[in-house]
């Protein structure tokens, strides 16, 4: 998979070469190495005596993989993450504020369709979104 050029440029500007990818929410989350360090710091604050938290950490952190883009900006997504996210042929890369997400086109379409329907049918959600200033 090719990393979009704006994100590759960001990595070059910060002097980072590697990315961390992991499974979550039926897609693959991607972080810069610096971004992943911030995630780990926040996760380390969670109570280690909570079984549900430990299970989540095993899933999220245990599923993470460090990848280094080649000279053409491509990364290899391991089979376990490709299977988890249903990445077979066509994919969508979504830039989020602190990460990017890699989706199968079918799953992405389902998510957006479901959101649009909910936004139209749920006045509380519509109001929450309308109150966001951007």
C-alpha atoms as a PDB file:
ATOM      1  CA  UNK A   1       0.000   0.000   0.000  1.00  0.00           C
ATOM      2  CA  UNK A   2       1.267   3.483  -0.838  1.00  0.00           C
ATOM      3  CA  UNK A   3       1.378   6.030   1.952  1.00  0.00           C
ATOM      4  CA  UNK A   4      -0.174   9.304   0.680  1.00  0.00           C
ATOM      5  CA  UNK A   5       2.481  11.868  -0.193  1.00  0.00           C
ATOM      6  CA  UNK A   6       1.355  14.487   2.394  1.00  0.00           C
ATOM      7  CA  UNK A   7       1.870  11.926   5.169  1.00  0.00           C
ATOM      8  CA  UNK A   8       5.201  10.791   3.690  1.00  0.00           C
ATOM      9  CA  UNK A   9       6.294  14.428   3.580  1.00  0.00           C
ATOM     10  CA  UNK A  10       5.280  14.859   7.218  1.00  0.00           C
ATOM     11  CA  UNK A  11       7.393  11.841   8.187  1.00  0.00           C
ATOM     12  CA  UNK A  12      10.379  13.242   6.281  1.00  0.00           C
ATOM     13  CA  UNK A  13       9.953  16.665   7.902  1.00  0.00           C
ATOM     14  CA  UNK A  14      10.007  15.142  11.394  1.00  0.00           C
ATOM     15  CA  UNK A  15      12.900  12.814  10.593  1.00  0.00           C
ATOM     16  CA  UNK A  16      10.809   9.728  11.340  1.00  0.00           C
ATOM     17  CA  UNK A  17      10.892   6.730   9.090  1.00  0.00           C
ATOM     18  CA  UNK A  18       8.615   4.197  10.708  1.00  0.00           C
ATOM     19  CA  UNK A  19       4.882   3.949  11.223  1.00  0.00           C
ATOM     20  CA  UNK A  20       2.930   1.888  13.700  1.00  0.00           C
ATOM     21  CA  UNK A  21      -0.212   0.182  12.425  1.00  0.00           C
ATOM     22  CA  UNK A  22      -2.761  -1.719  14.478  1.00  0.00           C
ATOM     23  CA  UNK A  23      -6.280  -3.123  14.410  1.00  0.00           C
ATOM     24  CA  UNK A  24      -9.303  -1.245  15.676  1.00  0.00           C
ATOM     25  CA  UNK A  25     -12.886  -0.487  14.657  1.00  0.00           C
ATOM     26  CA  UNK A  26     -12.855  -2.858  11.643  1.00  0.00           C
ATOM     27  CA  UNK A  27      -9.993  -1.002   9.980  1.00  0.00           C
ATOM     28  CA  UNK A  28      -6.249  -0.456  10.405  1.00  0.00           C
ATOM     29  CA  UNK A  29      -5.141   2.565  12.423  1.00  0.00           C
ATOM     30  CA  UNK A  30      -1.818   4.140  11.455  1.00  0.00           C
ATOM     31  CA  UNK A  31       0.375   6.369  13.599  1.00  0.00           C
ATOM     32  CA  UNK A  32       3.715   8.063  13.215  1.00  0.00           C
ATOM     33  CA  UNK A  33       6.287   6.723  15.679  1.00  0.00           C
ATOM     34  CA  UNK A  34       5.914   9.933  17.672  1.00  0.00           C
ATOM     35  CA  UNK A  35       2.119   9.648  17.623  1.00  0.00           C
ATOM     36  CA  UNK A  36       2.326   6.039  18.814  1.00  0.00           C
ATOM     37  CA  UNK A  37       4.553   7.083  21.719  1.00  0.00           C
ATOM     38  CA  UNK A  38       1.795   9.484  22.813  1.00  0.00           C
ATOM     39  CA  UNK A  39      -0.787   6.699  22.545  1.00  0.00           C
ATOM     40  CA  UNK A  40       1.404   4.420  24.657  1.00  0.00           C
ATOM     41  CA  UNK A  41       1.861   7.122  27.300  1.00  0.00           C
ATOM     42  CA  UNK A  42      -1.912   7.532  27.581  1.00  0.00           C
ATOM     43  CA  UNK A  43      -2.530   3.791  27.624  1.00  0.00           C
ATOM     44  CA  UNK A  44       0.078   3.320  30.357  1.00  0.00           C
ATOM     45  CA  UNK A  45      -2.096   5.453  32.647  1.00  0.00           C
ATOM     46  CA  UNK A  46      -4.931   2.917  32.491  1.00  0.00           C
ATOM     47  CA  UNK A  47      -5.432   0.609  35.480  1.00  0.00           C
ATOM     48  CA  UNK A  48      -3.540  -2.640  34.992  1.00  0.00           C
ATOM     49  CA  UNK A  49      -5.857  -4.420  37.425  1.00  0.00           C
ATOM     50  CA  UNK A  50      -8.899  -4.035  35.158  1.00  0.00           C
ATOM     51  CA  UNK A  51      -9.391  -7.217  33.097  1.00  0.00           C
ATOM     52  CA  UNK A  52     -11.316  -5.422  30.337  1.00  0.00           C
ATOM     53  CA  UNK A  53      -8.546  -2.844  29.987  1.00  0.00           C
ATOM     54  CA  UNK A  54      -5.922  -5.595  29.852  1.00  0.00           C
ATOM     55  CA  UNK A  55      -7.904  -7.400  27.164  1.00  0.00           C
ATOM     56  CA  UNK A  56      -8.162  -4.179  25.163  1.00  0.00           C
ATOM     57  CA  UNK A  57      -4.409  -3.543  25.512  1.00  0.00           C
ATOM     58  CA  UNK A  58      -3.620  -7.084  24.363  1.00  0.00           C
ATOM     59  CA  UNK A  59      -5.844  -6.524  21.344  1.00  0.00           C
ATOM     60  CA  UNK A  60      -4.772  -2.981  20.440  1.00  0.00           C
ATOM     61  CA  UNK A  61      -1.121  -2.868  21.477  1.00  0.00           C
ATOM     62  CA  UNK A  62      -0.509  -6.569  20.907  1.00  0.00           C
ATOM     63  CA  UNK A  63      -1.868  -6.234  17.372  1.00  0.00           C
ATOM     64  CA  UNK A  64       0.440  -3.350  16.503  1.00  0.00           C
ATOM     65  CA  UNK A  65       3.259  -3.658  13.988  1.00  0.00           C
ATOM     66  CA  UNK A  66       6.048  -1.267  13.099  1.00  0.00           C
ATOM     67  CA  UNK A  67       6.432  -0.757   9.351  1.00  0.00           C
ATOM     68  CA  UNK A  68       8.964   1.247   7.374  1.00  0.00           C
ATOM     69  CA  UNK A  69       7.965   2.657   3.982  1.00  0.00           C
ATOM     70  CA  UNK A  70      10.216   1.710   1.070  1.00  0.00           C
ATOM     71  CA  UNK A  71      11.700   4.331  -1.276  1.00  0.00           C
ATOM     72  CA  UNK A  72       8.408   4.565  -3.179  1.00  0.00           C
ATOM     73  CA  UNK A  73       6.455   5.165   0.060  1.00  0.00           C
ATOM     74  CA  UNK A  74       4.884   1.710   0.181  1.00  0.00           C
ATOM     75  CA  UNK A  75       4.287  -0.336   3.296  1.00  0.00           C
ATOM     76  CA  UNK A  76       3.500  -3.996   3.654  1.00  0.00           C
ATOM     77  CA  UNK A  77       0.443  -4.625   5.808  1.00  0.00           C
ATOM     78  CA  UNK A  78       0.792  -8.003   7.532  1.00  0.00           C
ATOM     79  CA  UNK A  79      -1.765 -10.703   6.635  1.00  0.00           C
ATOM     80  CA  UNK A  80      -3.302 -10.612  10.132  1.00  0.00           C
ATOM     81  CA  UNK A  81      -4.156  -6.905   9.811  1.00  0.00           C
ATOM     82  CA  UNK A  82      -5.300  -7.270   6.195  1.00  0.00           C
ATOM     83  CA  UNK A  83      -7.661 -10.076   7.237  1.00  0.00           C
ATOM     84  CA  UNK A  84      -8.945  -8.149  10.267  1.00  0.00           C
ATOM     85  CA  UNK A  85      -9.770  -5.058   8.186  1.00  0.00           C
ATOM     86  CA  UNK A  86     -11.004  -6.994   5.137  1.00  0.00           C
ATOM     87  CA  UNK A  87      -8.345  -5.394   2.934  1.00  0.00           C
ATOM     88  CA  UNK A  88      -8.458  -7.362  -0.267  1.00  0.00           C
ATOM     89  CA  UNK A  89      -8.419  -5.126  -3.306  1.00  0.00           C
ATOM     90  CA  UNK A  90      -9.748  -1.573  -3.157  1.00  0.00           C
ATOM     91  CA  UNK A  91      -8.932   0.447  -0.065  1.00  0.00           C
ATOM     92  CA  UNK A  92      -9.580   3.932   1.287  1.00  0.00           C
ATOM     93  CA  UNK A  93      -7.092   5.888   3.372  1.00  0.00           C
ATOM     94  CA  UNK A  94      -8.694   8.415   5.687  1.00  0.00           C
ATOM     95  CA  UNK A  95      -6.657  11.136   7.349  1.00  0.00           C
ATOM     96  CA  UNK A  96      -7.782  11.711  10.903  1.00  0.00           C
ATOM     97  CA  UNK A  97      -6.477  14.339  13.297  1.00  0.00           C
ATOM     98  CA  UNK A  98      -3.919  12.214  15.146  1.00  0.00           C
ATOM     99  CA  UNK A  99      -3.768   9.147  12.904  1.00  0.00           C
ATOM    100  CA  UNK A 100      -4.830   7.772   9.562  1.00  0.00           C
ATOM    101  CA  UNK A 101      -7.150   4.839   8.901  1.00  0.00           C
ATOM    102  CA  UNK A 102      -7.021   2.194   6.196  1.00  0.00           C
ATOM    103  CA  UNK A 103     -10.417   0.771   5.223  1.00  0.00           C
ATOM    104  CA  UNK A 104     -11.758  -1.652   2.691  1.00  0.00           C
ATOM    105  CA  UNK A 105     -13.964   0.310   0.301  1.00  0.00           C
ATOM    106  CA  UNK A 106     -16.990  -1.819   1.222  1.00  0.00           C
ATOM    107  CA  UNK A 107     -16.606  -1.294   4.962  1.00  0.00           C
ATOM    108  CA  UNK A 108     -15.930   2.417   4.515  1.00  0.00           C
ATOM    109  CA  UNK A 109     -19.039   2.814   2.384  1.00  0.00           C
ATOM    110  CA  UNK A 110     -21.096   1.009   5.040  1.00  0.00           C
ATOM    111  CA  UNK A 111     -19.746   3.257   7.813  1.00  0.00           C
ATOM    112  CA  UNK A 112     -20.462   6.467   5.910  1.00  0.00           C
ATOM    113  CA  UNK A 113     -23.910   5.319   4.813  1.00  0.00           C
ATOM    114  CA  UNK A 114     -24.805   4.335   8.381  1.00  0.00           C
ATOM    115  CA  UNK A 115     -23.519   7.677   9.724  1.00  0.00           C
ATOM    116  CA  UNK A 116     -25.431   9.748   7.161  1.00  0.00           C
ATOM    117  CA  UNK A 117     -28.642   7.888   7.967  1.00  0.00           C
ATOM    118  CA  UNK A 118     -28.139   8.265  11.711  1.00  0.00           C
ATOM    119  CA  UNK A 119     -27.298  11.962  11.371  1.00  0.00           C
ATOM    120  CA  UNK A 120     -30.526  12.556   9.456  1.00  0.00           C
ATOM    121  CA  UNK A 121     -32.684  10.503  11.833  1.00  0.00           C
ATOM    122  CA  UNK A 122     -31.155  11.434  15.190  1.00  0.00           C
ATOM    123  CA  UNK A 123     -31.807  15.082  16.149  1.00  0.00           C
ATOM    124  CA  UNK A 124     -29.476  14.855  19.161  1.00  0.00           C
ATOM    125  CA  UNK A 125     -26.590  13.723  16.967  1.00  0.00           C
ATOM    126  CA  UNK A 126     -27.422  16.365  14.373  1.00  0.00           C
ATOM    127  CA  UNK A 127     -27.351  19.036  17.102  1.00  0.00           C
ATOM    128  CA  UNK A 128     -24.059  17.765  18.529  1.00  0.00           C
ATOM    129  CA  UNK A 129     -22.470  17.975  15.091  1.00  0.00           C
ATOM    130  CA  UNK A 130     -23.993  21.396  14.388  1.00  0.00           C
ATOM    131  CA  UNK A 131     -22.471  22.695  17.643  1.00  0.00           C
ATOM    132  CA  UNK A 132     -18.933  21.849  16.533  1.00  0.00           C
ATOM    133  CA  UNK A 133     -17.143  24.968  15.372  1.00  0.00           C
ATOM    134  CA  UNK A 134     -14.935  24.483  12.341  1.00  0.00           C
END
